Structures are given as structure tokens and as C-alpha cells.
Amino acid sequence: MKKCLIWGTGGVSLLNYRFFKMMPFFTCYEVIAFVDNNSEKWGTFIEGKPCISPYEMVQYEWDIICIWSAAKQQISNQIIQEFKIEPNKIEDILKPFYDKLFLKYGNSNDKEIQSILNKIRTKNKLNIFYYQPEADWRWYEAFYDIKKDLYYIYFEEKKMYISRNYNLEVIDGKKYVHDIWREQDKNSPHRYESDYVSVQTGDILVDGGACEGNFTLHNIEKVKKAYIVECDTSWIEALRFTFEPWGNKIAFCSKFLTKSDSEKTITIDTLTRSRADFIKLDVEGEEINALSGAENTFANNKNLRCSICTYHKSGDEDKVKKLFSEKGLECEVSDGYMLFLHDPNVLENPELRRGIVRGYKK
């Protein structure tokens, strides 16, 4: 196992390190410390690792230095010239991943893909999203409800409660809210709605994989009824508080959406009695199975619209498009691509995927 120093403690470094920790195939590296030129950070801990000055590197046993910073070239020169470290000791532990990604897409004629590759090259940063937001999203405060013993945030002027598993004293509440807003930016590849495919007044909505409930909350004044499906019971608790003011419109379900009914699973047909106008699915790769349980819903609703996540699994974009075509729905895809770093096969097969396929009946 190679012992590694990470040079840099800014946003690029922390984002890369968090993704690095989630990727079990990087077990051949052990990060022992962070290094930074900023003296205010010396003696602190970053992600549980000590932050040291460059002059303290000699006190540690290490094999390589990995530079995660937008100023990569300047830092590399400093390491070689000032600290007399051999260039072969500088190694980006994410390079094998980048090499495979560039090899796969380097000759693509898709301008969106080339834009993503260019951002990775210039910013030296891993991310799930690579797009320029249309809006300049603000950073919102998080609050604590003493009676309910839960944190909440204001989403479009409405209280949205957060699962008690998310301690917003530890997690940056402002960043959390910022990311929720930003995910549904007009330019986001994860945007559920478009100008053409959206929730309409009087709709019956299926929100599969509701999580915080922001999609239903955004449309709560429009819908006639919303089925909120979330298997994480800690989120169900928070969701019940969030939607208390609209209790007559909401039905909660903590079963898994799939193609058959059982003690722990339910089909969309059974859930809605085959009556729905808008189906949104973000269910961790089970979207195809969930759609397979909506045969009657597809057949019975003339104005059906769907927004289906296709970034969790390779090939899901084509599968959803094929299913929609068989059911008589037109298709559109979200702009941009996502690099789903949580896929267990991402190192062997790095893949840029469309985030959402939307379907609609003309």
C-alpha cells in the first residue's frame, strides 16, 4: 500500500478526497496527511487527517505526493525546486480514472462531452455534475425546531424538515440547501421538469424516491394529490412534518417501487389505482423495475408525463426510451451529462450518462 500526502485543502482537494473515500477500489493508497502553504491550517485536522506545513513532510514516511489544487503546476514546481523532491514522487492517485475517461471520450464529437473533459483537465476536480448554473443560487440558513427535534430549511418560503440522520451542526446547512436548489437549476442534467414536461394544475403526482421532498414541495400548490414514496423511514418522519399543512393532498408510502407487490414492495398501479398524471422516479437504479409495475397507469392516462433518472445504471437511458416508445410516449433528455461516481464499476468503466429521460403523451 502506498502512503500518500495530499497537497491542498481547498474545495478541489476536499471534493476529490470525499469521492476518493467512497471508491473502494482505491485501497492501494493510504492518505496520511494533508499539506498546505496556508499557515493558518497547520496543526488542524482535515477530514480526520492532520494538516501539516511543507517543511514537516520530512517527519513523515510517505511514498507519493498527490496535488489536488487548481494551482497544480505552481505547486509541482515548488515541490521540485524548493523541497528538492524527485518529480516521480508526484502522482495523482486519480490519474488511472482520468486516463480511462479521456481514452473513452477523447474523440467524441459531442460538444457537451468535450466541455466536461476540458473542465476536468483544467480544474483537476472530480464531480458528479459539470455545468454552468443559470441562476446564482444563494446560501440559505438552516434552523432547528425544538418541539419536533429536527432541523429544517426554507425551500421556496416553505419549511422543509431534514432527516435526523443529517446533523446540520456538522453538515453545512447553507451548502445543503444551496445544493438542493442548484440540482434543479434550468441547466442541470438532473432537472426533473422542463418547459414542455412539467407538473400541471390538478395533477396526481407520484414522487418516487422523494428524499427531502423538494420536488413535491415545489409543486404542492398545483397538485390534486401526491404519492410520496420514500423507503428511508427517517425521511418519512421529516416528510410528514414538512407536508403537515397539506395533509389532505398527501399519501405516504415507505415500500419499494417495483414490478410486483409484496410485504415490502408495491407497484405504481397498486399505489395509485392506475391513476396518475406525472411520475417522477429517482430510486437508485430501480427505475426500470418501477416502470414495469405501471402497465395500467400507462394505458389509462392520456396526458401522462414522466421524469425518470437514468444515471444510476449503465444503459438505462436506452431502456427507458425503448419502454416509452412501446407505451406510445415521446421522449426528451435533460441537458448535459452526469459522472455517477457511486457506481461500483466506475473505475473499470467510467461513463458519462444523461441524468433524466422525460416522457410525455401527445
Protein backbone atom coordinates (compact mmCIF):
# COMPACT_ATOMS: atom_id res chain seq x y z
CA MET A 1 0.00 0.00 0.00
CA LYS A 2 1.36 3.41 -0.97
CA LYS A 3 1.41 6.08 1.72
CA CYS A 4 0.23 9.36 0.28
CA LEU A 5 0.36 13.06 1.17
CA ILE A 6 -2.41 15.23 -0.29
CA TRP A 7 -1.22 18.74 -1.13
CA GLY A 8 -4.11 21.19 -0.95
CA THR A 9 -7.03 21.74 1.41
CA GLY A 10 -9.31 23.87 -0.76
CA GLY A 11 -12.56 22.95 -2.45
CA VAL A 12 -10.91 20.90 -5.20
CA SER A 13 -8.95 18.79 -2.72
CA LEU A 14 -11.83 18.16 -0.32
CA LEU A 15 -14.23 17.21 -3.10
CA ASN A 16 -11.71 14.81 -4.65
CA TYR A 17 -10.90 13.30 -1.27
CA ARG A 18 -14.55 12.68 -0.41
CA PHE A 19 -15.10 10.89 -3.69
CA PHE A 20 -11.82 9.04 -3.21
CA LYS A 21 -13.03 7.69 0.15
CA MET A 22 -16.26 6.44 -1.43
CA MET A 23 -14.39 4.44 -4.06
CA PRO A 24 -13.41 1.08 -2.52
CA PHE A 25 -11.04 0.24 -5.38
CA PHE A 26 -8.50 2.83 -4.16
CA THR A 27 -7.46 0.59 -1.26
CA CYS A 28 -3.87 0.55 -2.54
CA TYR A 29 -3.41 4.09 -1.18
CA GLU A 30 -3.34 5.34 2.40
CA VAL A 31 -3.68 9.08 2.90
CA ILE A 32 -1.63 10.01 5.97
CA ALA A 33 -1.80 13.82 5.96
CA PHE A 34 -2.74 16.98 4.09
CA VAL A 35 -0.12 19.59 3.19
CA ASP A 36 -0.82 23.28 2.67
CA ASN A 37 1.09 26.54 2.32
CA ASN A 38 -1.51 28.33 4.46
CA SER A 39 -0.03 28.56 7.97
CA GLU A 40 -3.50 29.08 9.49
CA LYS A 41 -4.34 25.47 8.63
CA TRP A 42 -1.21 23.90 10.13
CA GLY A 43 -1.99 21.83 13.21
CA THR A 44 -5.66 21.43 12.27
CA PHE A 45 -7.36 18.28 11.03
CA ILE A 46 -8.91 17.94 7.57
CA GLU A 47 -11.33 15.04 7.12
CA GLY A 48 -9.74 13.43 10.18
CA LYS A 49 -6.18 13.76 8.83
CA PRO A 50 -3.52 16.19 10.16
CA CYS A 51 -2.74 19.26 8.10
CA ILE A 52 0.99 19.96 8.10
CA SER A 53 3.34 22.57 6.69
CA PRO A 54 5.50 21.65 3.69
CA TYR A 55 8.54 21.71 5.99
CA GLU A 56 7.06 18.94 8.13
CA MET A 57 6.92 16.46 5.25
CA VAL A 58 10.35 15.11 6.23
CA GLN A 59 8.90 13.97 9.57
CA TYR A 60 6.52 11.54 7.86
CA GLU A 61 7.09 8.31 5.99
CA TRP A 62 5.40 8.62 2.63
CA ASP A 63 5.71 7.28 -0.90
CA ILE A 64 3.98 9.88 -3.09
CA ILE A 65 2.54 13.38 -3.04
CA CYS A 66 -0.80 13.94 -4.75
CA ILE A 67 -1.60 17.54 -5.72
CA TRP A 68 -5.28 18.39 -5.72
CA SER A 69 -5.43 22.08 -6.47
CA ALA A 70 -6.27 24.43 -9.32
CA ALA A 71 -2.67 25.68 -8.92
CA LYS A 72 -1.24 22.24 -9.65
CA GLN A 73 1.65 23.36 -11.85
CA GLN A 74 2.87 26.05 -9.44
CA ILE A 75 2.76 23.64 -6.51
CA SER A 76 4.57 20.98 -8.51
CA ASN A 77 7.34 23.46 -9.29
CA GLN A 78 7.56 24.40 -5.61
CA ILE A 79 7.86 20.76 -4.52
CA ILE A 80 10.62 20.05 -7.03
CA GLN A 81 12.60 23.28 -6.78
CA GLU A 82 12.21 24.32 -3.14
CA PHE A 83 12.00 20.94 -1.44
CA LYS A 84 14.20 19.00 -3.89
CA ILE A 85 11.69 16.18 -4.26
CA GLU A 86 12.01 13.99 -7.33
CA PRO A 87 9.27 14.50 -9.95
CA ASN A 88 8.45 10.78 -9.91
CA LYS A 89 7.27 11.22 -6.31
CA ILE A 90 4.42 13.42 -7.54
CA GLU A 91 1.50 11.24 -8.58
CA ASP A 92 -2.21 11.91 -9.00
CA ILE A 93 -3.91 8.88 -7.49
CA LEU A 94 -6.96 9.60 -9.66
CA LYS A 95 -4.92 9.55 -12.88
CA PRO A 96 -5.91 5.95 -13.86
CA PHE A 97 -9.54 7.02 -13.67
CA TYR A 98 -8.94 10.17 -15.74
CA ASP A 99 -6.92 8.22 -18.32
CA LYS A 100 -9.76 5.77 -18.92
CA LEU A 101 -12.31 8.57 -19.14
CA PHE A 102 -10.24 10.55 -21.67
CA LEU A 103 -9.47 7.41 -23.68
CA LYS A 104 -13.16 6.58 -23.90
CA TYR A 105 -14.45 10.04 -24.80
CA GLY A 106 -11.42 11.93 -26.12
CA ASN A 107 -12.51 11.60 -29.77
CA SER A 108 -16.19 12.30 -29.14
CA ASN A 109 -17.85 14.87 -31.39
CA ASP A 110 -20.32 15.74 -28.64
CA LYS A 111 -19.60 19.33 -27.60
CA GLU A 112 -21.14 18.78 -24.15
CA ILE A 113 -18.79 15.86 -23.51
CA GLN A 114 -15.73 17.78 -24.69
CA SER A 115 -16.70 20.66 -22.41
CA ILE A 116 -16.80 18.28 -19.43
CA LEU A 117 -13.40 16.77 -20.29
CA ASN A 118 -11.92 20.25 -20.58
CA LYS A 119 -13.26 21.20 -17.14
CA ILE A 120 -11.74 18.07 -15.61
CA ARG A 121 -8.37 18.83 -17.22
CA THR A 122 -8.24 22.49 -16.21
CA LYS A 123 -9.77 22.27 -12.73
CA ASN A 124 -8.28 18.91 -11.67
CA LYS A 125 -11.55 18.16 -9.90
CA LEU A 126 -13.89 15.18 -9.76
CA ASN A 127 -17.59 15.89 -9.64
CA ILE A 128 -20.92 14.31 -10.47
CA PHE A 129 -22.14 17.48 -12.21
CA TYR A 130 -20.31 19.63 -14.76
CA TYR A 131 -22.49 22.52 -15.84
CA GLN A 132 -22.82 26.27 -15.50
CA PRO A 133 -25.89 27.14 -13.41
CA GLU A 134 -28.25 29.66 -14.94
CA ALA A 135 -29.04 31.16 -11.53
CA ASP A 136 -26.68 32.44 -8.86
CA TRP A 137 -28.11 30.38 -6.01
CA ARG A 138 -27.96 31.92 -2.58
CA TRP A 139 -26.67 30.16 0.53
CA TYR A 140 -29.58 29.61 2.90
CA GLU A 141 -29.65 29.26 6.66
CA ALA A 142 -30.71 26.07 8.45
CA PHE A 143 -32.89 26.25 11.57
CA TYR A 144 -33.75 23.97 14.50
CA ASP A 145 -37.30 23.14 15.61
CA ILE A 146 -37.15 22.46 19.35
CA LYS A 147 -40.62 20.89 19.56
CA LYS A 148 -40.04 18.49 16.68
CA ASP A 149 -36.35 17.99 17.50
CA LEU A 150 -35.47 18.33 13.81
CA TYR A 151 -33.61 20.76 11.62
CA TYR A 152 -35.47 22.48 8.82
CA ILE A 153 -34.73 24.84 5.98
CA TYR A 154 -36.87 27.20 3.96
CA PHE A 155 -37.47 25.96 0.45
CA GLU A 156 -39.44 28.41 -1.68
CA GLU A 157 -40.67 30.06 1.54
CA LYS A 158 -41.95 26.72 2.89
CA LYS A 159 -40.50 24.77 5.82
CA MET A 160 -38.75 21.60 4.68
CA TYR A 161 -37.66 19.31 7.52
CA ILE A 162 -34.45 17.30 7.31
CA SER A 163 -33.91 13.71 8.43
CA ARG A 164 -32.46 13.47 11.93
CA ASN A 165 -29.62 11.44 10.37
CA TYR A 166 -28.38 14.71 8.85
CA ASN A 167 -26.92 16.77 11.67
CA LEU A 168 -26.82 20.26 10.22
CA GLU A 169 -24.49 21.35 13.02
CA VAL A 170 -21.93 19.12 11.31
CA ILE A 171 -23.18 19.25 7.73
CA ASP A 172 -23.08 22.78 6.37
CA GLY A 173 -26.77 23.70 6.35
CA LYS A 174 -26.26 26.55 3.91
CA LYS A 175 -24.42 24.31 1.46
CA TYR A 176 -27.07 21.60 1.84
CA VAL A 177 -29.86 23.97 0.83
CA HIS A 178 -27.71 25.51 -1.89
CA ASP A 179 -27.14 22.06 -3.44
CA ILE A 180 -30.87 21.21 -3.37
CA TRP A 181 -31.69 24.39 -5.26
CA ARG A 182 -28.77 24.03 -7.65
CA GLU A 183 -29.66 20.43 -8.58
CA GLN A 184 -32.88 21.68 -10.18
CA ASP A 185 -31.29 24.64 -11.96
CA LYS A 186 -32.53 25.12 -15.52
CA ASN A 187 -29.16 23.95 -16.90
CA SER A 188 -28.78 20.98 -14.54
CA PRO A 189 -28.59 17.47 -16.06
CA HIS A 190 -30.59 16.34 -13.01
CA ARG A 191 -33.52 18.70 -13.62
CA TYR A 192 -36.79 16.80 -13.36
CA GLU A 193 -39.01 19.23 -15.25
CA SER A 194 -38.60 21.10 -18.50
CA ASP A 195 -40.57 23.80 -20.24
CA TYR A 196 -42.54 21.07 -22.02
CA VAL A 197 -42.72 18.28 -19.41
CA SER A 198 -43.90 19.64 -16.08
CA VAL A 199 -46.48 19.18 -13.35
CA GLN A 200 -49.79 20.86 -14.18
CA THR A 201 -52.62 22.18 -12.03
CA GLY A 202 -54.86 19.36 -10.83
CA ASP A 203 -52.31 16.59 -11.45
CA ILE A 204 -51.94 13.41 -9.46
CA LEU A 205 -48.22 13.11 -8.78
CA VAL A 206 -46.07 10.08 -7.96
CA ASP A 207 -42.83 11.20 -6.30
CA GLY A 208 -40.72 8.03 -6.24
CA GLY A 209 -37.58 8.48 -4.17
CA ALA A 210 -38.77 11.68 -2.53
CA CYS A 211 -35.85 12.13 -0.11
CA GLU A 212 -36.24 15.71 1.21
CA GLY A 213 -39.49 16.12 -0.72
CA ASN A 214 -38.37 19.23 -2.60
CA PHE A 215 -39.97 18.13 -5.89
CA THR A 216 -43.42 17.67 -4.37
CA LEU A 217 -42.99 20.78 -2.22
CA HIS A 218 -42.18 22.79 -5.34
CA ASN A 219 -45.45 21.61 -6.92
CA ILE A 220 -47.65 21.26 -3.84
CA GLU A 221 -49.98 24.14 -4.71
CA LYS A 222 -50.60 22.70 -8.19
CA VAL A 223 -51.27 19.05 -7.46
CA LYS A 224 -54.59 17.49 -6.58
CA LYS A 225 -52.83 14.61 -4.84
CA ALA A 226 -49.24 13.47 -4.31
CA TYR A 227 -47.98 9.98 -3.52
CA ILE A 228 -44.69 10.42 -1.68
CA VAL A 229 -42.64 7.23 -1.85
CA GLU A 230 -39.54 7.03 0.34
CA CYS A 231 -38.07 3.81 1.77
CA ASP A 232 -35.84 5.53 4.33
CA THR A 233 -38.08 5.74 7.40
CA SER A 234 -36.04 8.61 8.86
CA TRP A 235 -37.04 10.68 5.85
CA ILE A 236 -40.70 9.66 6.21
CA GLU A 237 -40.69 11.24 9.68
CA ALA A 238 -39.30 14.51 8.30
CA LEU A 239 -41.62 14.42 5.29
CA ARG A 240 -44.70 14.10 7.48
CA PHE A 241 -43.74 17.31 9.28
CA THR A 242 -42.94 19.08 6.01
CA PHE A 243 -46.32 18.29 4.47
CA GLU A 244 -48.49 18.78 7.57
CA PRO A 245 -50.10 21.91 6.05
CA TRP A 246 -51.22 19.90 3.00
CA GLY A 247 -52.15 16.64 4.71
CA ASN A 248 -55.34 16.22 2.69
CA LYS A 249 -53.29 16.06 -0.53
CA ILE A 250 -50.57 13.65 0.59
CA ALA A 251 -50.30 9.85 0.76
CA PHE A 252 -47.05 8.43 2.15
CA CYS A 253 -45.57 5.08 1.19
CA SER A 254 -42.38 3.50 2.58
CA LYS A 255 -42.37 0.43 0.32
CA PHE A 256 -40.03 -0.13 -2.62
CA LEU A 257 -41.50 0.65 -6.03
CA THR A 258 -41.01 -2.33 -8.32
CA LYS A 259 -42.81 -4.65 -10.78
CA SER A 260 -44.73 -6.76 -8.24
CA ASP A 261 -46.48 -6.39 -4.89
CA SER A 262 -45.26 -7.96 -1.66
CA GLU A 263 -44.92 -7.12 2.01
CA LYS A 264 -42.07 -4.71 1.26
CA THR A 265 -42.77 -3.75 -2.36
CA ILE A 266 -45.55 -2.12 -4.33
CA THR A 267 -46.30 -1.33 -7.96
CA ILE A 268 -47.25 2.09 -9.25
CA ASP A 269 -50.52 0.56 -10.48
CA THR A 270 -51.41 -0.63 -6.98
CA LEU A 271 -50.22 2.55 -5.30
CA THR A 272 -52.25 4.89 -7.49
CA ARG A 273 -55.03 2.52 -8.59
CA SER A 274 -53.68 3.16 -12.09
CA ARG A 275 -54.43 6.88 -11.91
CA ALA A 276 -51.52 9.29 -12.22
CA ASP A 277 -50.64 12.28 -14.36
CA PHE A 278 -46.96 12.75 -13.52
CA ILE A 279 -44.44 10.08 -12.45
CA LYS A 280 -41.05 11.14 -11.14
CA LEU A 281 -38.61 8.33 -10.31
CA ASP A 282 -35.24 8.72 -8.60
CA VAL A 283 -34.97 5.29 -6.97
CA GLU A 284 -31.29 4.34 -7.01
CA GLY A 285 -31.24 2.24 -10.18
CA GLU A 286 -34.62 0.53 -9.76
CA GLU A 287 -36.35 2.85 -12.22
CA ILE A 288 -36.88 0.19 -14.92
CA ASN A 289 -38.46 -2.24 -12.46
CA ALA A 290 -40.67 0.51 -11.07
CA LEU A 291 -41.89 1.45 -14.55
CA SER A 292 -42.63 -2.22 -15.24
CA GLY A 293 -45.21 -2.03 -12.47
CA ALA A 294 -47.12 0.78 -14.18
CA GLU A 295 -48.70 -1.08 -17.13
CA ASN A 296 -52.25 0.05 -16.39
CA THR A 297 -51.14 3.55 -15.46
CA PHE A 298 -49.54 3.95 -18.89
CA ALA A 299 -52.65 2.62 -20.59
CA ASN A 300 -55.27 4.58 -18.65
CA ASN A 301 -53.87 8.12 -18.55
CA LYS A 302 -53.95 10.09 -21.79
CA ASN A 303 -51.91 13.03 -20.52
CA LEU A 304 -49.25 11.06 -18.63
CA ARG A 305 -45.84 12.69 -18.18
CA CYS A 306 -42.76 11.06 -16.67
CA SER A 307 -39.37 12.18 -15.40
CA ILE A 308 -37.06 9.20 -14.90
CA CYS A 309 -33.49 9.18 -13.60
CA THR A 310 -31.19 7.21 -15.90
CA TYR A 311 -27.75 7.95 -14.44
CA HIS A 312 -27.65 5.22 -11.79
CA LYS A 313 -27.03 2.31 -14.18
CA SER A 314 -25.30 1.93 -17.50
CA GLY A 315 -27.75 1.53 -20.37
CA ASP A 316 -30.81 2.83 -18.52
CA GLU A 317 -31.23 5.77 -20.88
CA ASP A 318 -31.82 3.44 -23.84
CA LYS A 319 -34.03 1.12 -21.78
CA VAL A 320 -36.29 3.96 -20.65
CA LYS A 321 -36.51 5.37 -24.17
CA LYS A 322 -37.45 1.93 -25.52
CA LEU A 323 -40.11 1.44 -22.84
CA PHE A 324 -41.59 4.88 -23.52
CA SER A 325 -41.68 4.17 -27.24
CA GLU A 326 -43.55 0.90 -26.62
CA LYS A 327 -46.07 2.77 -24.45
CA GLY A 328 -46.63 5.50 -27.03
CA LEU A 329 -44.74 8.27 -25.23
CA GLU A 330 -42.49 10.84 -26.86
CA CYS A 331 -39.05 11.38 -25.29
CA GLU A 332 -36.67 14.16 -24.40
CA VAL A 333 -33.46 14.07 -22.36
CA SER A 334 -32.03 16.54 -19.89
CA ASP A 335 -29.16 18.75 -20.99
CA GLY A 336 -25.60 17.76 -20.16
CA TYR A 337 -24.21 14.59 -18.62
CA MET A 338 -23.52 13.20 -15.16
CA LEU A 339 -20.47 11.27 -13.99
CA PHE A 340 -22.02 8.92 -11.44
CA LEU A 341 -19.08 8.26 -9.13
CA HIS A 342 -21.08 5.99 -6.79
CA ASP A 343 -21.32 3.26 -9.43
CA PRO A 344 -19.20 0.30 -8.19
CA ASN A 345 -17.93 -0.20 -11.76
CA VAL A 346 -16.95 3.43 -12.33
CA LEU A 347 -13.18 2.82 -12.29
CA GLU A 348 -13.35 -0.04 -14.78
CA ASN A 349 -15.93 1.70 -16.94
CA PRO A 350 -16.13 5.47 -16.34
CA GLU A 351 -19.23 6.67 -18.11
CA LEU A 352 -20.91 9.99 -18.80
CA ARG A 353 -24.67 9.47 -18.61
CA ARG A 354 -27.76 11.52 -19.28
CA GLY A 355 -29.35 12.37 -15.96
CA ILE A 356 -33.04 12.34 -16.86
CA VAL A 357 -35.24 10.94 -19.61
CA ARG A 358 -38.63 12.61 -19.77
CA GLY A 359 -41.65 11.07 -21.45
CA TYR A 360 -44.98 12.53 -22.46
CA LYS A 361 -48.08 11.64 -24.39
CA LYS A 362 -49.07 13.99 -27.19
